[in-house]
Amino acid sequence: MLLRLLLLFTLVPLAELAILIWVAQHTSLAFTVVLVLATGVVGAALARYEGFHCWQRAHEALDAGRLPSDPLLDALMILVAGALLITPGILTDIVGFALLMSPFRRIIKRRLKRWFLSKFDIVSQRDEIIDTRVIDVPSEEDQA
């Protein structure tokens, strides 16, 4: 795992730098800088838009008494997409924009769910009564 992270944090920035240099050589430095800035701004706006809709779906699920697992996974992917889009680079922008598209997120979500199910034992206890008790809560007068 540590080796994978080391490779990720060294090879991806090197690849990004090589691509940005190549783009600057074949266009211009100004175009490359504008491209990086534009993808960051557009990506942040799209992430905010998608995040808002994800937040609405989560609240709808909660209001209906359901666990908002799909909206939470969407929110996680949108958060990752936003981080990738504000990171300078072409590869990270491609992955970030892909994560903002709901068809691509559905594919990733299915794979994440399969991974979670393979790694965790999920037990539903909806019909079980859990015994609780109330602990004496100090009144507002006692706190003052």
C-alpha atoms as a PDB file:
ATOM      1  CA  MET A   1       0.000   0.000   0.000  1.00  0.00           C
ATOM      2  CA  LEU A   2       2.796   2.410   0.885  1.00  0.00           C
ATOM      3  CA  LEU A   3       4.563   1.630  -2.382  1.00  0.00           C
ATOM      4  CA  ARG A   4       1.375   2.350  -4.333  1.00  0.00           C
ATOM      5  CA  LEU A   5       0.966   5.717  -2.617  1.00  0.00           C
ATOM      6  CA  LEU A   6       4.622   6.551  -3.223  1.00  0.00           C
ATOM      7  CA  LEU A   7       4.237   5.744  -6.903  1.00  0.00           C
ATOM      8  CA  LEU A   8       0.978   7.699  -7.089  1.00  0.00           C
ATOM      9  CA  PHE A   9       2.465  10.817  -5.508  1.00  0.00           C
ATOM     10  CA  THR A  10       5.635  10.722  -7.624  1.00  0.00           C
ATOM     11  CA  LEU A  11       4.616   9.370 -11.027  1.00  0.00           C
ATOM     12  CA  VAL A  12       1.361  11.297 -11.452  1.00  0.00           C
ATOM     13  CA  PRO A  13       2.955  14.741 -10.863  1.00  0.00           C
ATOM     14  CA  LEU A  14       5.830  13.829 -13.209  1.00  0.00           C
ATOM     15  CA  ALA A  15       3.380  12.736 -15.910  1.00  0.00           C
ATOM     16  CA  GLU A  16       1.334  15.908 -15.372  1.00  0.00           C
ATOM     17  CA  LEU A  17       4.447  18.069 -15.679  1.00  0.00           C
ATOM     18  CA  ALA A  18       5.523  16.302 -18.864  1.00  0.00           C
ATOM     19  CA  ILE A  19       2.069  16.769 -20.418  1.00  0.00           C
ATOM     20  CA  LEU A  20       1.916  20.453 -19.434  1.00  0.00           C
ATOM     21  CA  ILE A  21       5.381  21.062 -20.918  1.00  0.00           C
ATOM     22  CA  TRP A  22       4.339  19.253 -24.106  1.00  0.00           C
ATOM     23  CA  VAL A  23       1.129  21.326 -24.358  1.00  0.00           C
ATOM     24  CA  ALA A  24       3.090  24.556 -23.761  1.00  0.00           C
ATOM     25  CA  GLN A  25       5.621  23.635 -26.469  1.00  0.00           C
ATOM     26  CA  HIS A  26       2.899  22.836 -29.018  1.00  0.00           C
ATOM     27  CA  THR A  27       0.685  25.826 -28.210  1.00  0.00           C
ATOM     28  CA  SER A  28       1.982  28.574 -25.949  1.00  0.00           C
ATOM     29  CA  LEU A  29       2.717  29.159 -22.294  1.00  0.00           C
ATOM     30  CA  ALA A  30      -0.231  31.568 -22.035  1.00  0.00           C
ATOM     31  CA  PHE A  31      -2.638  28.981 -23.467  1.00  0.00           C
ATOM     32  CA  THR A  32      -1.379  26.354 -21.039  1.00  0.00           C
ATOM     33  CA  VAL A  33      -1.785  28.654 -18.034  1.00  0.00           C
ATOM     34  CA  VAL A  34      -5.285  29.700 -19.168  1.00  0.00           C
ATOM     35  CA  LEU A  35      -6.182  26.025 -19.709  1.00  0.00           C
ATOM     36  CA  VAL A  36      -5.103  25.106 -16.171  1.00  0.00           C
ATOM     37  CA  LEU A  37      -6.943  28.075 -14.654  1.00  0.00           C
ATOM     38  CA  ALA A  38     -10.093  27.540 -16.730  1.00  0.00           C
ATOM     39  CA  THR A  39     -10.374  23.854 -15.864  1.00  0.00           C
ATOM     40  CA  GLY A  40      -9.953  24.740 -12.203  1.00  0.00           C
ATOM     41  CA  VAL A  41     -12.689  27.385 -12.262  1.00  0.00           C
ATOM     42  CA  VAL A  42     -15.110  25.385 -14.423  1.00  0.00           C
ATOM     43  CA  GLY A  43     -14.418  22.248 -12.416  1.00  0.00           C
ATOM     44  CA  ALA A  44     -15.026  23.975  -9.095  1.00  0.00           C
ATOM     45  CA  ALA A  45     -18.331  25.397 -10.394  1.00  0.00           C
ATOM     46  CA  LEU A  46     -19.451  21.986 -11.679  1.00  0.00           C
ATOM     47  CA  ALA A  47     -18.426  20.300  -8.427  1.00  0.00           C
ATOM     48  CA  ARG A  48     -20.455  22.840  -6.484  1.00  0.00           C
ATOM     49  CA  TYR A  49     -23.493  22.297  -8.736  1.00  0.00           C
ATOM     50  CA  GLU A  50     -23.266  18.494  -8.523  1.00  0.00           C
ATOM     51  CA  GLY A  51     -22.605  18.680  -4.782  1.00  0.00           C
ATOM     52  CA  PHE A  52     -25.751  20.732  -4.252  1.00  0.00           C
ATOM     53  CA  HIS A  53     -27.877  18.175  -6.110  1.00  0.00           C
ATOM     54  CA  CYS A  54     -26.229  15.376  -4.154  1.00  0.00           C
ATOM     55  CA  TRP A  55     -27.051  17.211  -0.905  1.00  0.00           C
ATOM     56  CA  GLN A  56     -30.703  17.498  -2.014  1.00  0.00           C
ATOM     57  CA  ARG A  57     -30.890  13.753  -2.788  1.00  0.00           C
ATOM     58  CA  ALA A  58     -29.386  12.924   0.603  1.00  0.00           C
ATOM     59  CA  HIS A  59     -32.015  15.046   2.372  1.00  0.00           C
ATOM     60  CA  GLU A  60     -34.797  13.475   0.316  1.00  0.00           C
ATOM     61  CA  ALA A  61     -33.597  10.012   1.319  1.00  0.00           C
ATOM     62  CA  LEU A  62     -33.395  11.012   4.980  1.00  0.00           C
ATOM     63  CA  ASP A  63     -36.858  12.573   4.850  1.00  0.00           C
ATOM     64  CA  ALA A  64     -38.174   9.296   3.407  1.00  0.00           C
ATOM     65  CA  GLY A  65     -36.539   7.368   6.249  1.00  0.00           C
ATOM     66  CA  ARG A  66     -33.861   5.742   4.073  1.00  0.00           C
ATOM     67  CA  LEU A  67     -30.127   5.635   4.563  1.00  0.00           C
ATOM     68  CA  PRO A  68     -28.590   7.992   1.970  1.00  0.00           C
ATOM     69  CA  SER A  69     -25.797   5.605   0.947  1.00  0.00           C
ATOM     70  CA  ASP A  70     -25.869   6.442  -2.777  1.00  0.00           C
ATOM     71  CA  PRO A  71     -25.839  10.219  -2.260  1.00  0.00           C
ATOM     72  CA  LEU A  72     -23.001   9.818   0.275  1.00  0.00           C
ATOM     73  CA  LEU A  73     -20.915   7.851  -2.220  1.00  0.00           C
ATOM     74  CA  ASP A  74     -21.715  10.487  -4.851  1.00  0.00           C
ATOM     75  CA  ALA A  75     -20.630  13.205  -2.428  1.00  0.00           C
ATOM     76  CA  LEU A  76     -17.338  11.431  -1.797  1.00  0.00           C
ATOM     77  CA  MET A  77     -16.655  11.148  -5.523  1.00  0.00           C
ATOM     78  CA  ILE A  78     -17.634  14.785  -6.112  1.00  0.00           C
ATOM     79  CA  LEU A  79     -15.256  15.847  -3.341  1.00  0.00           C
ATOM     80  CA  VAL A  80     -12.429  13.852  -4.957  1.00  0.00           C
ATOM     81  CA  ALA A  81     -13.367  15.320  -8.354  1.00  0.00           C
ATOM     82  CA  GLY A  82     -13.185  18.858  -6.970  1.00  0.00           C
ATOM     83  CA  ALA A  83      -9.753  18.199  -5.471  1.00  0.00           C
ATOM     84  CA  LEU A  84      -8.514  16.748  -8.757  1.00  0.00           C
ATOM     85  CA  LEU A  85      -9.897  19.652 -10.767  1.00  0.00           C
ATOM     86  CA  ILE A  86      -8.180  22.336  -8.711  1.00  0.00           C
ATOM     87  CA  THR A  87      -4.900  20.408  -8.997  1.00  0.00           C
ATOM     88  CA  PRO A  88      -2.961  21.699 -12.004  1.00  0.00           C
ATOM     89  CA  GLY A  89      -2.718  19.073 -14.712  1.00  0.00           C
ATOM     90  CA  ILE A  90      -4.433  17.458 -17.652  1.00  0.00           C
ATOM     91  CA  LEU A  91      -4.695  13.873 -16.353  1.00  0.00           C
ATOM     92  CA  THR A  92      -6.198  14.922 -13.024  1.00  0.00           C
ATOM     93  CA  ASP A  93      -8.659  17.172 -14.884  1.00  0.00           C
ATOM     94  CA  ILE A  94      -9.791  14.276 -17.080  1.00  0.00           C
ATOM     95  CA  VAL A  95     -10.382  12.038 -14.058  1.00  0.00           C
ATOM     96  CA  GLY A  96     -12.019  14.911 -12.149  1.00  0.00           C
ATOM     97  CA  PHE A  97     -14.444  15.756 -14.956  1.00  0.00           C
ATOM     98  CA  ALA A  98     -15.230  12.051 -15.389  1.00  0.00           C
ATOM     99  CA  LEU A  99     -16.124  11.806 -11.690  1.00  0.00           C
ATOM    100  CA  LEU A 100     -18.530  14.722 -12.099  1.00  0.00           C
ATOM    101  CA  MET A 101     -20.501  12.825 -14.771  1.00  0.00           C
ATOM    102  CA  SER A 102     -23.231  10.730 -13.186  1.00  0.00           C
ATOM    103  CA  PRO A 103     -22.937   7.778 -15.644  1.00  0.00           C
ATOM    104  CA  PHE A 104     -19.275   7.363 -14.761  1.00  0.00           C
ATOM    105  CA  ARG A 105     -20.063   7.785 -11.055  1.00  0.00           C
ATOM    106  CA  ARG A 106     -22.670   5.010 -11.311  1.00  0.00           C
ATOM    107  CA  ILE A 107     -20.006   2.621 -12.626  1.00  0.00           C
ATOM    108  CA  ILE A 108     -17.572   3.571  -9.861  1.00  0.00           C
ATOM    109  CA  LYS A 109     -20.370   3.405  -7.263  1.00  0.00           C
ATOM    110  CA  ARG A 110     -21.225  -0.182  -8.276  1.00  0.00           C
ATOM    111  CA  ARG A 111     -17.583  -1.180  -7.915  1.00  0.00           C
ATOM    112  CA  LEU A 112     -17.270   0.590  -4.564  1.00  0.00           C
ATOM    113  CA  LYS A 113     -20.372  -1.165  -3.252  1.00  0.00           C
ATOM    114  CA  ARG A 114     -18.985  -4.555  -4.342  1.00  0.00           C
ATOM    115  CA  TRP A 115     -15.685  -3.717  -2.644  1.00  0.00           C
ATOM    116  CA  PHE A 116     -17.435  -2.645   0.576  1.00  0.00           C
ATOM    117  CA  LEU A 117     -19.524  -5.825   0.581  1.00  0.00           C
ATOM    118  CA  SER A 118     -16.402  -7.958   0.112  1.00  0.00           C
ATOM    119  CA  LYS A 119     -14.493  -6.207   2.916  1.00  0.00           C
ATOM    120  CA  PHE A 120     -17.197  -5.593   5.527  1.00  0.00           C
ATOM    121  CA  ASP A 121     -19.846  -7.734   7.169  1.00  0.00           C
ATOM    122  CA  ILE A 122     -23.051  -5.703   7.003  1.00  0.00           C
ATOM    123  CA  VAL A 123     -25.743  -6.663   9.500  1.00  0.00           C
ATOM    124  CA  SER A 124     -29.212  -5.151   9.490  1.00  0.00           C
ATOM    125  CA  GLN A 125     -30.946  -4.937  12.872  1.00  0.00           C
ATOM    126  CA  ARG A 126     -34.106  -3.013  12.059  1.00  0.00           C
ATOM    127  CA  ASP A 127     -36.518  -5.174  14.104  1.00  0.00           C
ATOM    128  CA  GLU A 128     -34.314  -5.408  17.177  1.00  0.00           C
ATOM    129  CA  ILE A 129     -35.267  -3.273  20.162  1.00  0.00           C
ATOM    130  CA  ILE A 130     -32.332  -1.581  21.781  1.00  0.00           C
ATOM    131  CA  ASP A 131     -32.639  -0.887  25.495  1.00  0.00           C
ATOM    132  CA  THR A 132     -31.856   2.717  26.375  1.00  0.00           C
ATOM    133  CA  ARG A 133     -31.951   4.901  29.454  1.00  0.00           C
ATOM    134  CA  VAL A 134     -31.918   8.626  30.017  1.00  0.00           C
ATOM    135  CA  ILE A 135     -29.068  10.146  31.950  1.00  0.00           C
ATOM    136  CA  ASP A 136     -29.995  13.080  34.165  1.00  0.00           C
ATOM    137  CA  VAL A 137     -29.415  16.178  32.048  1.00  0.00           C
ATOM    138  CA  PRO A 138     -28.701  19.372  34.007  1.00  0.00           C
ATOM    139  CA  SER A 139     -31.259  22.121  33.503  1.00  0.00           C
ATOM    140  CA  GLU A 140     -30.365  25.552  32.168  1.00  0.00           C
ATOM    141  CA  GLU A 141     -30.436  26.968  35.740  1.00  0.00           C
ATOM    142  CA  ASP A 142     -27.853  24.399  36.914  1.00  0.00           C
ATOM    143  CA  GLN A 143     -25.522  25.320  34.047  1.00  0.00           C
ATOM    144  CA  ALA A 144     -25.649  29.055  34.781  1.00  0.00           C
END
